[in-house]
Amino acid sequence: MKTLLTFVISVLLINNAFSQTGLIAKDTLVKGSIEKNCPGGFAAFNDYISKATRAPAMMFENNKEGCARVAFIIEPDGKLSNIHGTTKLGYQMEDEAIRSIKMSVGWIPSTIDSKNVRTSMEVGIQYKRLSKNTVKVEGKVVD
């Protein structure tokens, strides 16, 4: 009985060891790699978002607030593609966040071995009501 139990545990341990997947690319550090960034850093991104993004009228009318998330790809040349909302807040908050991101330029893609590579990114646009007629808009890096 002891031998059978030892055999079963050994098989489970060996199976677990061989079923491990390799390192996840996101967690792997590559010599000479540079992480993605927005033009001027994330403080500049927040400044840009607060100036370029307007609070939608529907949001005011319905007394809403929230954080609209937008995902996109930074191409090797710094242009953005596949820009889409990942939240469903409504009240045109995602539409305005997407518009602001589409207008931004000069993104810095990740670099691996001195070569720019396509990089995914997700950001949040926070709409926070300060008063009946005032909304604070700020950018947040999600990933």
Protein backbone atom coordinates (compact mmCIF):
# COMPACT_ATOMS: atom_id res chain seq x y z
CA MET A 1 0.00 0.00 0.00
CA LYS A 2 2.86 2.34 0.89
CA THR A 3 4.52 1.57 -2.42
CA LEU A 4 1.34 2.32 -4.36
CA LEU A 5 0.87 5.64 -2.56
CA THR A 6 4.51 6.59 -3.20
CA PHE A 7 4.10 5.68 -6.88
CA VAL A 8 0.93 7.79 -7.28
CA ILE A 9 2.51 10.81 -5.60
CA SER A 10 5.63 10.46 -7.78
CA VAL A 11 3.54 10.30 -10.94
CA LEU A 12 1.58 13.39 -9.92
CA LEU A 13 4.75 15.35 -9.12
CA ILE A 14 6.42 14.37 -12.39
CA ASN A 15 3.27 15.20 -14.37
CA ASN A 16 3.06 18.59 -12.65
CA ALA A 17 6.72 19.32 -13.42
CA PHE A 18 6.32 18.50 -17.13
CA SER A 19 3.02 20.33 -17.51
CA GLN A 20 4.52 23.65 -16.38
CA THR A 21 4.43 26.18 -19.16
CA GLY A 22 7.50 28.25 -19.91
CA LEU A 23 8.01 31.77 -18.72
CA ILE A 24 5.37 34.25 -19.70
CA ALA A 25 6.74 36.83 -22.15
CA LYS A 26 5.42 39.69 -20.00
CA ASP A 27 7.49 38.42 -17.05
CA THR A 28 10.64 37.78 -19.04
CA LEU A 29 13.43 40.31 -18.95
CA VAL A 30 15.40 40.43 -22.15
CA LYS A 31 18.82 42.04 -22.23
CA GLY A 32 18.53 45.35 -24.05
CA SER A 33 14.74 45.54 -23.73
CA ILE A 34 12.85 48.78 -23.10
CA GLU A 35 9.30 48.94 -21.77
CA LYS A 36 6.53 50.76 -23.66
CA ASN A 37 5.80 54.34 -22.70
CA CYS A 38 3.68 57.29 -23.69
CA PRO A 39 5.13 60.51 -25.08
CA GLY A 40 6.75 62.44 -22.22
CA GLY A 41 5.99 59.73 -19.65
CA PHE A 42 2.83 59.00 -17.74
CA ALA A 43 2.66 62.41 -16.03
CA ALA A 44 2.55 64.02 -19.49
CA PHE A 45 -0.12 61.48 -20.52
CA ASN A 46 -2.30 62.56 -17.60
CA ASP A 47 -1.83 66.23 -18.55
CA TYR A 48 -2.73 65.46 -22.17
CA ILE A 49 -5.86 63.53 -21.19
CA SER A 50 -7.07 66.25 -18.82
CA LYS A 51 -6.76 68.85 -21.62
CA ALA A 52 -7.87 66.79 -24.65
CA THR A 53 -10.81 64.91 -23.15
CA ARG A 54 -14.19 66.55 -22.73
CA ALA A 55 -16.82 65.20 -20.39
CA PRO A 56 -19.75 64.03 -22.55
CA ALA A 57 -23.03 65.93 -22.22
CA MET A 58 -24.93 62.66 -21.66
CA MET A 59 -22.77 62.04 -18.62
CA PHE A 60 -23.78 65.40 -17.13
CA GLU A 61 -27.44 64.91 -17.94
CA ASN A 62 -27.53 61.51 -16.23
CA ASN A 63 -25.27 62.47 -13.30
CA LYS A 64 -22.76 59.67 -14.07
CA GLU A 65 -19.03 59.18 -13.51
CA GLY A 66 -16.55 56.33 -13.88
CA CYS A 67 -13.36 55.07 -15.49
CA ALA A 68 -13.56 54.23 -19.20
CA ARG A 69 -10.82 51.79 -20.24
CA VAL A 70 -9.30 51.82 -23.71
CA ALA A 71 -7.00 49.14 -25.12
CA PHE A 72 -4.80 49.55 -28.19
CA ILE A 73 -1.66 48.37 -29.96
CA ILE A 74 1.45 50.55 -30.18
CA GLU A 75 2.97 49.75 -33.57
CA PRO A 76 6.78 49.70 -34.03
CA ASP A 77 6.62 53.19 -35.61
CA GLY A 78 4.77 54.64 -32.57
CA LYS A 79 1.35 54.87 -34.23
CA LEU A 80 -1.70 53.33 -32.58
CA SER A 81 -3.99 50.66 -34.00
CA ASN A 82 -6.88 48.47 -32.87
CA ILE A 83 -8.16 51.15 -30.47
CA HIS A 84 -11.27 49.96 -28.64
CA GLY A 85 -13.09 50.38 -25.35
CA THR A 86 -12.96 47.54 -22.85
CA THR A 87 -15.65 48.88 -20.50
CA LYS A 88 -19.34 49.52 -21.06
CA LEU A 89 -20.08 52.60 -18.94
CA GLY A 90 -22.25 54.16 -21.61
CA TYR A 91 -23.19 57.85 -21.70
CA GLN A 92 -20.54 58.34 -24.46
CA MET A 93 -17.66 58.07 -21.96
CA GLU A 94 -15.86 55.33 -23.92
CA ASP A 95 -16.44 57.18 -27.20
CA GLU A 96 -14.77 60.32 -25.84
CA ALA A 97 -11.90 58.33 -24.32
CA ILE A 98 -11.30 56.57 -27.67
CA ARG A 99 -11.38 59.93 -29.49
CA SER A 100 -8.73 61.34 -27.14
CA ILE A 101 -6.47 58.31 -27.52
CA LYS A 102 -6.81 58.39 -31.33
CA MET A 103 -5.59 62.00 -31.34
CA SER A 104 -2.45 61.19 -29.31
CA VAL A 105 0.82 60.72 -31.21
CA GLY A 106 4.40 59.63 -30.63
CA TRP A 107 3.90 56.57 -28.45
CA ILE A 108 7.04 54.61 -27.60
CA PRO A 109 6.72 50.87 -28.29
CA SER A 110 8.60 48.21 -26.37
CA THR A 111 12.06 47.45 -27.69
CA ILE A 112 13.61 43.99 -27.64
CA ASP A 113 17.22 43.59 -28.74
CA SER A 114 17.21 47.14 -30.14
CA LYS A 115 14.16 46.44 -32.35
CA ASN A 116 10.78 48.09 -31.82
CA VAL A 117 7.99 45.54 -31.44
CA ARG A 118 4.20 45.73 -31.44
CA THR A 119 3.01 46.29 -27.90
CA SER A 120 -0.43 46.12 -26.32
CA MET A 121 -1.50 48.78 -23.84
CA GLU A 122 -4.56 49.60 -21.79
CA VAL A 123 -5.30 52.95 -20.20
CA GLY A 124 -8.16 54.35 -18.16
CA ILE A 125 -9.83 57.73 -18.50
CA GLN A 126 -11.34 58.68 -15.14
CA TYR A 127 -14.37 60.98 -15.17
CA LYS A 128 -15.00 62.30 -11.65
CA ARG A 129 -17.79 64.78 -10.90
CA LEU A 130 -16.65 67.64 -8.71
CA SER A 131 -19.90 69.60 -8.86
CA LYS A 132 -23.08 69.77 -10.90
CA ASN A 133 -21.27 71.40 -13.82
CA THR A 134 -17.65 70.33 -13.28
CA VAL A 135 -15.91 67.06 -14.06
CA LYS A 136 -12.27 66.22 -13.46
CA VAL A 137 -10.77 64.05 -16.19
CA GLU A 138 -7.50 62.21 -15.66
CA GLY A 139 -5.58 59.43 -17.35
CA LYS A 140 -4.46 56.22 -15.69
CA VAL A 141 -2.21 53.47 -16.96
CA VAL A 142 -3.91 50.14 -16.41
CA ASP A 143 -1.15 47.76 -17.43
